Amino acid sequence: MAKMLKEGDAVPDVTLQGPGGAPVRLRDLLGDKAMVIYFYPRDDSPGCTVQACSLRDQYQDFTDAGADVVGISSDSAESHEKFVAKYRLPFRLLSDPDGAARKAFGVGTNFLGLLPGRVTFVADKGGTIRYAFDSQIQVKKHAEHALDVVRSLTGQGAAPTRPA
């Protein structure tokens, strides 16, 4: 597994499966807005649902601050579509069935290697990682920290405090 990306690294050029299995090149989503890219273990699991719903509940704040949100897991496009519909998620979920994106970002496993990692990255418009937060347990903090970073990037808030 590659080392996890950190501030200053470039968003990797990876292609994932979008809705209906259509290919989506992650770097093509950059350019107009900052991007919150979050990796999560599994659709419809308790922690992932809380995380997705916290991002959903703050989605308007993200867009108002000049960012979009995209979630990535190894679940199928069909699973993502059900998850999006069930919880009315306004952002795109992409499928990484072979783990290529997870590997390119250096997102490993947690809990004795049993669960795919839960990591949130914030990239600026140019595709440079400006923040990375890795926590399997603090699921609501992913949205809070990411929004603080987005606001600081777009001049809409103070520099975020970094979690310990």
N, C-alpha and C. Protein backbone atom coordinates (compact mmCIF):
# COMPACT_ATOMS: atom_id res chain seq x y z
N MET A 1 0.86 -1.19 0.00
CA MET A 1 0.00 0.00 0.00
C MET A 1 0.89 1.24 0.00
N ALA A 2 0.57 2.15 -0.87
CA ALA A 2 1.30 3.41 -0.93
C ALA A 2 1.04 4.22 0.34
N LYS A 3 1.95 5.11 0.64
CA LYS A 3 1.77 5.99 1.78
C LYS A 3 0.58 6.91 1.54
N MET A 4 -0.21 7.18 2.58
CA MET A 4 -1.39 8.02 2.43
C MET A 4 -0.99 9.42 1.98
N LEU A 5 -1.77 9.95 1.02
CA LEU A 5 -1.51 11.30 0.53
C LEU A 5 -1.63 12.30 1.66
N LYS A 6 -0.87 13.37 1.54
CA LYS A 6 -0.89 14.41 2.57
C LYS A 6 -0.97 15.78 1.88
N GLU A 7 -1.03 16.81 2.70
CA GLU A 7 -1.08 18.18 2.17
C GLU A 7 0.07 18.41 1.20
N GLY A 8 -0.27 18.99 0.05
CA GLY A 8 0.73 19.28 -0.97
C GLY A 8 0.82 18.24 -2.07
N ASP A 9 0.29 17.03 -1.83
CA ASP A 9 0.29 16.00 -2.87
C ASP A 9 -0.82 16.28 -3.88
N ALA A 10 -0.65 15.76 -5.08
CA ALA A 10 -1.65 15.92 -6.14
C ALA A 10 -2.70 14.82 -6.06
N VAL A 11 -3.93 15.17 -6.41
CA VAL A 11 -4.98 14.17 -6.52
C VAL A 11 -4.57 13.22 -7.64
N PRO A 12 -4.55 11.92 -7.37
CA PRO A 12 -4.16 10.95 -8.40
C PRO A 12 -5.12 10.94 -9.58
N ASP A 13 -4.60 10.57 -10.72
CA ASP A 13 -5.41 10.47 -11.93
C ASP A 13 -5.99 9.05 -11.99
N VAL A 14 -7.16 8.88 -11.38
CA VAL A 14 -7.82 7.58 -11.34
C VAL A 14 -9.21 7.69 -11.96
N THR A 15 -9.66 6.59 -12.54
CA THR A 15 -11.00 6.53 -13.11
C THR A 15 -11.80 5.51 -12.31
N LEU A 16 -12.99 5.93 -11.90
CA LEU A 16 -13.87 5.10 -11.09
C LEU A 16 -15.17 4.87 -11.85
N GLN A 17 -16.05 4.09 -11.24
CA GLN A 17 -17.37 3.85 -11.82
C GLN A 17 -18.38 4.79 -11.18
N GLY A 18 -19.08 5.55 -12.01
CA GLY A 18 -20.12 6.44 -11.53
C GLY A 18 -21.48 5.78 -11.64
N PRO A 19 -22.53 6.57 -11.55
CA PRO A 19 -23.89 6.04 -11.68
C PRO A 19 -24.05 5.23 -12.96
N GLY A 20 -24.68 4.07 -12.83
CA GLY A 20 -24.88 3.20 -13.98
C GLY A 20 -23.60 2.53 -14.45
N GLY A 21 -22.53 2.65 -13.70
CA GLY A 21 -21.26 2.05 -14.07
C GLY A 21 -20.45 2.87 -15.06
N ALA A 22 -20.92 4.09 -15.39
CA ALA A 22 -20.20 4.94 -16.34
C ALA A 22 -18.85 5.37 -15.74
N PRO A 23 -17.79 5.39 -16.56
CA PRO A 23 -16.49 5.80 -16.03
C PRO A 23 -16.46 7.29 -15.68
N VAL A 24 -15.84 7.60 -14.55
CA VAL A 24 -15.68 8.98 -14.09
C VAL A 24 -14.21 9.16 -13.72
N ARG A 25 -13.55 10.07 -14.43
CA ARG A 25 -12.15 10.39 -14.13
C ARG A 25 -12.16 11.44 -13.01
N LEU A 26 -11.60 11.10 -11.87
CA LEU A 26 -11.65 11.97 -10.70
C LEU A 26 -11.07 13.35 -10.99
N ARG A 27 -9.98 13.41 -11.70
CA ARG A 27 -9.35 14.72 -11.99
C ARG A 27 -10.25 15.60 -12.86
N ASP A 28 -11.16 14.99 -13.64
CA ASP A 28 -12.09 15.77 -14.46
C ASP A 28 -13.12 16.52 -13.61
N LEU A 29 -13.28 16.11 -12.35
CA LEU A 29 -14.25 16.78 -11.47
C LEU A 29 -13.66 18.03 -10.84
N LEU A 30 -12.35 18.19 -10.98
CA LEU A 30 -11.66 19.35 -10.41
C LEU A 30 -11.69 20.51 -11.39
N GLY A 31 -11.34 21.69 -10.90
CA GLY A 31 -11.19 22.84 -11.79
C GLY A 31 -12.09 24.00 -11.44
N ASP A 32 -13.37 23.73 -11.26
CA ASP A 32 -14.30 24.82 -10.95
C ASP A 32 -14.45 25.04 -9.46
N LYS A 33 -14.25 23.99 -8.69
CA LYS A 33 -14.51 24.05 -7.26
C LYS A 33 -13.45 23.28 -6.50
N ALA A 34 -13.36 23.56 -5.22
CA ALA A 34 -12.60 22.68 -4.33
C ALA A 34 -13.38 21.37 -4.26
N MET A 35 -12.73 20.30 -3.84
CA MET A 35 -13.39 18.99 -3.81
C MET A 35 -13.12 18.29 -2.49
N VAL A 36 -14.19 17.83 -1.89
CA VAL A 36 -14.09 16.97 -0.71
C VAL A 36 -14.24 15.55 -1.23
N ILE A 37 -13.21 14.74 -1.03
CA ILE A 37 -13.19 13.36 -1.50
C ILE A 37 -13.11 12.48 -0.27
N TYR A 38 -14.18 11.72 -0.03
CA TYR A 38 -14.14 10.88 1.16
C TYR A 38 -14.26 9.40 0.82
N PHE A 39 -13.37 8.64 1.43
CA PHE A 39 -13.37 7.18 1.31
C PHE A 39 -14.07 6.62 2.53
N TYR A 40 -14.94 5.66 2.30
CA TYR A 40 -15.68 5.06 3.40
C TYR A 40 -15.79 3.56 3.17
N PRO A 41 -16.01 2.79 4.25
CA PRO A 41 -16.01 1.33 4.12
C PRO A 41 -17.16 0.71 3.33
N ARG A 42 -18.43 1.09 3.64
CA ARG A 42 -19.53 0.35 3.04
C ARG A 42 -20.84 1.11 3.07
N ASP A 43 -21.58 1.06 1.97
CA ASP A 43 -22.91 1.67 1.92
C ASP A 43 -23.81 1.07 3.00
N ASP A 44 -24.61 1.94 3.59
CA ASP A 44 -25.69 1.55 4.50
C ASP A 44 -25.23 0.90 5.80
N SER A 45 -23.95 0.95 6.11
CA SER A 45 -23.50 0.47 7.43
C SER A 45 -23.69 1.63 8.41
N PRO A 46 -23.78 1.37 9.71
CA PRO A 46 -24.11 2.45 10.66
C PRO A 46 -23.19 3.66 10.60
N GLY A 47 -21.89 3.48 10.69
CA GLY A 47 -20.96 4.62 10.68
C GLY A 47 -20.95 5.34 9.35
N CYS A 48 -21.04 4.59 8.27
CA CYS A 48 -21.02 5.20 6.93
C CYS A 48 -22.30 5.99 6.68
N THR A 49 -23.40 5.52 7.22
CA THR A 49 -24.67 6.25 7.08
C THR A 49 -24.61 7.56 7.84
N VAL A 50 -24.09 7.53 9.07
CA VAL A 50 -23.95 8.77 9.85
C VAL A 50 -23.05 9.74 9.13
N GLN A 51 -21.93 9.25 8.59
CA GLN A 51 -20.99 10.12 7.87
C GLN A 51 -21.65 10.73 6.64
N ALA A 52 -22.29 9.91 5.83
CA ALA A 52 -22.93 10.40 4.60
C ALA A 52 -24.02 11.41 4.93
N CYS A 53 -24.81 11.14 5.98
CA CYS A 53 -25.89 12.06 6.33
C CYS A 53 -25.36 13.36 6.90
N SER A 54 -24.22 13.33 7.59
CA SER A 54 -23.65 14.58 8.09
C SER A 54 -23.13 15.42 6.92
N LEU A 55 -22.57 14.78 5.90
CA LEU A 55 -22.15 15.50 4.69
C LEU A 55 -23.38 16.01 3.94
N ARG A 56 -24.43 15.20 3.89
CA ARG A 56 -25.68 15.64 3.24
C ARG A 56 -26.24 16.87 3.95
N ASP A 57 -26.28 16.83 5.27
CA ASP A 57 -26.87 17.92 6.04
C ASP A 57 -26.08 19.22 5.90
N GLN A 58 -24.79 19.12 5.57
CA GLN A 58 -23.96 20.32 5.40
C GLN A 58 -23.63 20.58 3.92
N TYR A 59 -24.24 19.82 3.03
CA TYR A 59 -23.91 19.93 1.61
C TYR A 59 -24.11 21.35 1.07
N GLN A 60 -25.19 21.99 1.46
CA GLN A 60 -25.43 23.36 0.98
C GLN A 60 -24.31 24.29 1.46
N ASP A 61 -23.83 24.07 2.69
CA ASP A 61 -22.72 24.86 3.21
C ASP A 61 -21.45 24.63 2.37
N PHE A 62 -21.23 23.37 1.97
CA PHE A 62 -20.08 23.08 1.11
C PHE A 62 -20.21 23.79 -0.23
N THR A 63 -21.37 23.69 -0.86
CA THR A 63 -21.53 24.33 -2.18
C THR A 63 -21.48 25.84 -2.06
N ASP A 64 -22.06 26.40 -1.00
CA ASP A 64 -21.99 27.84 -0.79
C ASP A 64 -20.54 28.31 -0.63
N ALA A 65 -19.71 27.44 -0.05
CA ALA A 65 -18.30 27.78 0.18
C ALA A 65 -17.43 27.47 -1.05
N GLY A 66 -18.04 26.94 -2.10
CA GLY A 66 -17.29 26.70 -3.33
C GLY A 66 -16.67 25.33 -3.47
N ALA A 67 -17.34 24.31 -2.92
CA ALA A 67 -16.80 22.95 -3.01
C ALA A 67 -17.90 21.97 -3.38
N ASP A 68 -17.46 20.84 -3.91
CA ASP A 68 -18.36 19.72 -4.14
C ASP A 68 -17.85 18.56 -3.31
N VAL A 69 -18.70 17.53 -3.17
CA VAL A 69 -18.39 16.36 -2.36
C VAL A 69 -18.53 15.12 -3.22
N VAL A 70 -17.60 14.19 -3.07
CA VAL A 70 -17.71 12.90 -3.73
C VAL A 70 -17.27 11.82 -2.75
N GLY A 71 -18.07 10.75 -2.68
CA GLY A 71 -17.76 9.62 -1.81
C GLY A 71 -17.28 8.44 -2.64
N ILE A 72 -16.36 7.66 -2.06
CA ILE A 72 -15.78 6.52 -2.78
C ILE A 72 -15.75 5.31 -1.85
N SER A 73 -16.27 4.19 -2.35
CA SER A 73 -16.12 2.90 -1.66
C SER A 73 -16.05 1.82 -2.72
N SER A 74 -15.84 0.60 -2.28
CA SER A 74 -15.76 -0.51 -3.24
C SER A 74 -17.13 -1.06 -3.60
N ASP A 75 -18.19 -0.54 -3.00
CA ASP A 75 -19.54 -1.00 -3.32
C ASP A 75 -19.86 -0.74 -4.79
N SER A 76 -20.80 -1.50 -5.33
CA SER A 76 -21.19 -1.38 -6.73
C SER A 76 -21.96 -0.08 -6.98
N ALA A 77 -22.03 0.31 -8.24
CA ALA A 77 -22.81 1.49 -8.62
C ALA A 77 -24.27 1.29 -8.22
N GLU A 78 -24.78 0.07 -8.36
CA GLU A 78 -26.16 -0.23 -7.97
C GLU A 78 -26.37 -0.03 -6.47
N SER A 79 -25.42 -0.47 -5.67
CA SER A 79 -25.50 -0.27 -4.21
C SER A 79 -25.48 1.22 -3.89
N HIS A 80 -24.60 1.96 -4.57
CA HIS A 80 -24.54 3.41 -4.36
C HIS A 80 -25.87 4.07 -4.69
N GLU A 81 -26.49 3.67 -5.79
CA GLU A 81 -27.76 4.27 -6.20
C GLU A 81 -28.83 4.06 -5.13
N LYS A 82 -28.86 2.87 -4.53
CA LYS A 82 -29.83 2.58 -3.46
C LYS A 82 -29.53 3.43 -2.23
N PHE A 83 -28.25 3.54 -1.88
CA PHE A 83 -27.82 4.32 -0.71
C PHE A 83 -28.18 5.80 -0.90
N VAL A 84 -27.91 6.32 -2.09
CA VAL A 84 -28.22 7.71 -2.42
C VAL A 84 -29.73 7.95 -2.31
N ALA A 85 -30.52 7.05 -2.86
CA ALA A 85 -31.98 7.22 -2.83
C ALA A 85 -32.53 7.11 -1.41
N LYS A 86 -32.04 6.14 -0.66
CA LYS A 86 -32.55 5.91 0.69
C LYS A 86 -32.34 7.11 1.60
N TYR A 87 -31.18 7.76 1.48
CA TYR A 87 -30.83 8.86 2.39
C TYR A 87 -30.83 10.23 1.69
N ARG A 88 -31.32 10.29 0.45
CA ARG A 88 -31.42 11.54 -0.30
C ARG A 88 -30.07 12.28 -0.31
N LEU A 89 -29.05 11.57 -0.70
CA LEU A 89 -27.71 12.16 -0.74
C LEU A 89 -27.58 13.01 -2.00
N PRO A 90 -27.20 14.28 -1.86
CA PRO A 90 -27.14 15.18 -3.01
C PRO A 90 -25.81 15.14 -3.77
N PHE A 91 -24.88 14.34 -3.31
CA PHE A 91 -23.56 14.29 -3.93
C PHE A 91 -23.34 12.93 -4.59
N ARG A 92 -22.32 12.87 -5.39
CA ARG A 92 -22.00 11.69 -6.18
C ARG A 92 -21.21 10.67 -5.36
N LEU A 93 -21.58 9.40 -5.52
CA LEU A 93 -20.81 8.29 -4.95
C LEU A 93 -20.20 7.52 -6.11
N LEU A 94 -18.92 7.22 -6.00
CA LEU A 94 -18.20 6.51 -7.04
C LEU A 94 -17.74 5.15 -6.53
N SER A 95 -17.73 4.20 -7.43
CA SER A 95 -17.38 2.83 -7.11
C SER A 95 -15.93 2.55 -7.46
N ASP A 96 -15.23 1.93 -6.52
CA ASP A 96 -13.81 1.59 -6.68
C ASP A 96 -13.67 0.08 -6.45
N PRO A 97 -14.24 -0.74 -7.37
CA PRO A 97 -14.34 -2.17 -7.12
C PRO A 97 -12.99 -2.89 -6.97
N ASP A 98 -11.98 -2.43 -7.66
CA ASP A 98 -10.68 -3.10 -7.57
C ASP A 98 -9.72 -2.42 -6.59
N GLY A 99 -10.20 -1.34 -5.93
CA GLY A 99 -9.38 -0.66 -4.93
C GLY A 99 -8.28 0.20 -5.50
N ALA A 100 -8.31 0.50 -6.81
CA ALA A 100 -7.24 1.28 -7.43
C ALA A 100 -7.17 2.70 -6.87
N ALA A 101 -8.32 3.34 -6.67
CA ALA A 101 -8.32 4.70 -6.11
C ALA A 101 -7.86 4.68 -4.66
N ARG A 102 -8.37 3.73 -3.90
CA ARG A 102 -7.97 3.60 -2.49
C ARG A 102 -6.45 3.43 -2.40
N LYS A 103 -5.89 2.61 -3.27
CA LYS A 103 -4.45 2.39 -3.27
C LYS A 103 -3.71 3.66 -3.69
N ALA A 104 -4.21 4.34 -4.73
CA ALA A 104 -3.55 5.56 -5.23
C ALA A 104 -3.52 6.66 -4.17
N PHE A 105 -4.57 6.74 -3.35
CA PHE A 105 -4.62 7.73 -2.28
C PHE A 105 -3.92 7.24 -1.01
N GLY A 106 -3.55 5.96 -0.98
CA GLY A 106 -2.87 5.41 0.19
C GLY A 106 -3.80 5.18 1.36
N VAL A 107 -5.06 4.91 1.08
CA VAL A 107 -6.04 4.66 2.15
C VAL A 107 -6.04 3.17 2.44
N GLY A 108 -5.53 2.82 3.60
CA GLY A 108 -5.41 1.41 3.97
C GLY A 108 -6.64 0.89 4.67
N THR A 109 -6.40 -0.05 5.56
CA THR A 109 -7.47 -0.65 6.35
C THR A 109 -7.28 -0.28 7.81
N ASN A 110 -8.36 -0.40 8.55
CA ASN A 110 -8.34 -0.13 9.99
C ASN A 110 -8.88 -1.34 10.73
N PHE A 111 -8.84 -1.27 12.04
CA PHE A 111 -9.36 -2.34 12.89
C PHE A 111 -8.79 -3.70 12.50
N LEU A 112 -7.50 -3.86 12.72
CA LEU A 112 -6.80 -5.11 12.45
C LEU A 112 -6.90 -5.55 10.99
N GLY A 113 -7.03 -4.57 10.11
CA GLY A 113 -7.09 -4.87 8.70
C GLY A 113 -8.43 -5.41 8.21
N LEU A 114 -9.45 -5.32 9.06
CA LEU A 114 -10.75 -5.88 8.71
C LEU A 114 -11.65 -4.93 7.93
N LEU A 115 -11.51 -3.64 8.16
CA LEU A 115 -12.37 -2.66 7.49
C LEU A 115 -11.56 -1.73 6.60
N PRO A 116 -12.09 -1.43 5.43
CA PRO A 116 -11.43 -0.40 4.62
C PRO A 116 -11.42 0.91 5.40
N GLY A 117 -10.38 1.70 5.22
CA GLY A 117 -10.22 2.94 5.96
C GLY A 117 -11.27 3.99 5.62
N ARG A 118 -11.44 4.91 6.57
CA ARG A 118 -12.35 6.06 6.42
C ARG A 118 -11.48 7.31 6.46
N VAL A 119 -11.24 7.89 5.28
CA VAL A 119 -10.37 9.06 5.18
C VAL A 119 -11.05 10.11 4.30
N THR A 120 -10.96 11.36 4.72
CA THR A 120 -11.50 12.47 3.94
C THR A 120 -10.35 13.38 3.52
N PHE A 121 -10.34 13.71 2.23
CA PHE A 121 -9.36 14.62 1.66
C PHE A 121 -10.09 15.86 1.17
N VAL A 122 -9.43 17.01 1.28
CA VAL A 122 -9.93 18.23 0.65
C VAL A 122 -8.86 18.66 -0.35
N ALA A 123 -9.29 18.83 -1.60
CA ALA A 123 -8.39 19.27 -2.66
C ALA A 123 -8.84 20.64 -3.14
N ASP A 124 -7.86 21.48 -3.49
CA ASP A 124 -8.21 22.79 -4.05
C ASP A 124 -8.57 22.63 -5.52
N LYS A 125 -8.94 23.73 -6.16
CA LYS A 125 -9.37 23.70 -7.57
C LYS A 125 -8.31 23.12 -8.49
N GLY A 126 -7.05 23.32 -8.13
CA GLY A 126 -5.96 22.83 -8.96
C GLY A 126 -5.62 21.36 -8.75
N GLY A 127 -6.31 20.71 -7.82
CA GLY A 127 -6.06 19.29 -7.60
C GLY A 127 -4.98 18.97 -6.59
N THR A 128 -4.63 19.95 -5.75
CA THR A 128 -3.64 19.73 -4.71
C THR A 128 -4.36 19.43 -3.40
N ILE A 129 -3.94 18.36 -2.74
CA ILE A 129 -4.52 18.01 -1.44
C ILE A 129 -4.15 19.09 -0.44
N ARG A 130 -5.14 19.63 0.23
CA ARG A 130 -4.93 20.66 1.25
C ARG A 130 -5.21 20.16 2.65
N TYR A 131 -5.80 18.97 2.74
CA TYR A 131 -6.15 18.43 4.06
C TYR A 131 -6.48 16.95 3.94
N ALA A 132 -6.10 16.18 4.95
CA ALA A 132 -6.47 14.77 5.03
C ALA A 132 -6.82 14.44 6.47
N PHE A 133 -7.93 13.77 6.66
CA PHE A 133 -8.40 13.38 8.00
C PHE A 133 -8.73 11.90 7.99
N ASP A 134 -8.07 11.15 8.86
CA ASP A 134 -8.20 9.69 8.93
C ASP A 134 -8.76 9.31 10.29
N SER A 135 -10.03 8.90 10.33
CA SER A 135 -10.63 8.42 11.57
C SER A 135 -11.80 7.50 11.26
N GLN A 136 -11.70 6.30 11.72
CA GLN A 136 -12.78 5.32 11.53
C GLN A 136 -13.94 5.63 12.47
N ILE A 137 -13.65 6.24 13.62
CA ILE A 137 -14.65 6.39 14.66
C ILE A 137 -15.32 7.77 14.68
N GLN A 138 -14.58 8.82 14.45
CA GLN A 138 -15.14 10.18 14.52
C GLN A 138 -15.82 10.55 13.21
N VAL A 139 -16.92 9.84 12.90
CA VAL A 139 -17.53 9.96 11.58
C VAL A 139 -18.09 11.35 11.29
N LYS A 140 -18.63 12.03 12.28
CA LYS A 140 -19.18 13.37 12.04
C LYS A 140 -18.09 14.42 11.88
N LYS A 141 -16.93 14.16 12.43
CA LYS A 141 -15.81 15.12 12.35
C LYS A 141 -15.31 15.28 10.92
N HIS A 142 -15.51 14.26 10.08
CA HIS A 142 -15.05 14.36 8.69
C HIS A 142 -15.68 15.56 8.00
N ALA A 143 -17.00 15.71 8.14
CA ALA A 143 -17.71 16.83 7.51
C ALA A 143 -17.31 18.15 8.16
N GLU A 144 -17.25 18.18 9.49
CA GLU A 144 -16.91 19.42 10.20
C GLU A 144 -15.54 19.94 9.80
N HIS A 145 -14.54 19.06 9.85
CA HIS A 145 -13.17 19.49 9.51
C HIS A 145 -13.07 19.89 8.04
N ALA A 146 -13.69 19.10 7.16
CA ALA A 146 -13.61 19.40 5.73
C ALA A 146 -14.24 20.76 5.42
N LEU A 147 -15.37 21.06 6.04
CA LEU A 147 -16.03 22.34 5.79
C LEU A 147 -15.16 23.50 6.27
N ASP A 148 -14.52 23.35 7.42
CA ASP A 148 -13.60 24.38 7.91
C ASP A 148 -12.47 24.63 6.90
N VAL A 149 -11.92 23.56 6.36
CA VAL A 149 -10.82 23.68 5.40
C VAL A 149 -11.31 24.35 4.12
N VAL A 150 -12.45 23.91 3.61
CA VAL A 150 -13.00 24.51 2.39
C VAL A 150 -13.21 26.01 2.59
N ARG A 151 -13.78 26.38 3.71
CA ARG A 151 -14.02 27.81 3.97
C ARG A 151 -12.72 28.59 4.04
N SER A 152 -11.67 27.99 4.61
CA SER A 152 -10.39 28.70 4.67
C SER A 152 -9.77 28.82 3.29
N LEU A 153 -9.96 27.82 2.42
CA LEU A 153 -9.42 27.86 1.07
C LEU A 153 -10.10 28.93 0.23
N THR A 154 -11.37 29.14 0.47
CA THR A 154 -12.13 30.08 -0.35
C THR A 154 -12.29 31.44 0.33
N GLY A 155 -11.57 31.63 1.43
CA GLY A 155 -11.59 32.93 2.11
C GLY A 155 -12.87 33.20 2.88
N GLN A 156 -13.59 32.14 3.24
CA GLN A 156 -14.85 32.30 3.95
C GLN A 156 -14.77 31.92 5.42
N GLY A 157 -13.58 31.76 5.92
CA GLY A 157 -13.45 31.40 7.32
C GLY A 157 -12.02 31.44 7.75
N ALA A 158 -11.83 31.28 9.04
CA ALA A 158 -10.48 31.26 9.61
C ALA A 158 -9.82 29.94 9.27
N ALA A 159 -8.51 29.91 9.38
CA ALA A 159 -7.78 28.66 9.17
C ALA A 159 -8.28 27.64 10.16
N PRO A 160 -8.50 26.41 9.71
CA PRO A 160 -9.04 25.38 10.58
C PRO A 160 -8.04 24.93 11.64
N THR A 161 -8.58 24.50 12.74
CA THR A 161 -7.73 23.89 13.75
C THR A 161 -7.55 22.44 13.35
N ARG A 162 -6.35 21.97 13.48
CA ARG A 162 -6.04 20.59 13.08
C ARG A 162 -6.35 19.66 14.24
N PRO A 163 -7.02 18.52 13.97
CA PRO A 163 -7.28 17.57 15.05
C PRO A 163 -5.97 16.94 15.49
N ALA A 164 -5.94 16.57 16.74
CA ALA A 164 -4.73 15.95 17.30
C ALA A 164 -4.63 14.51 16.88
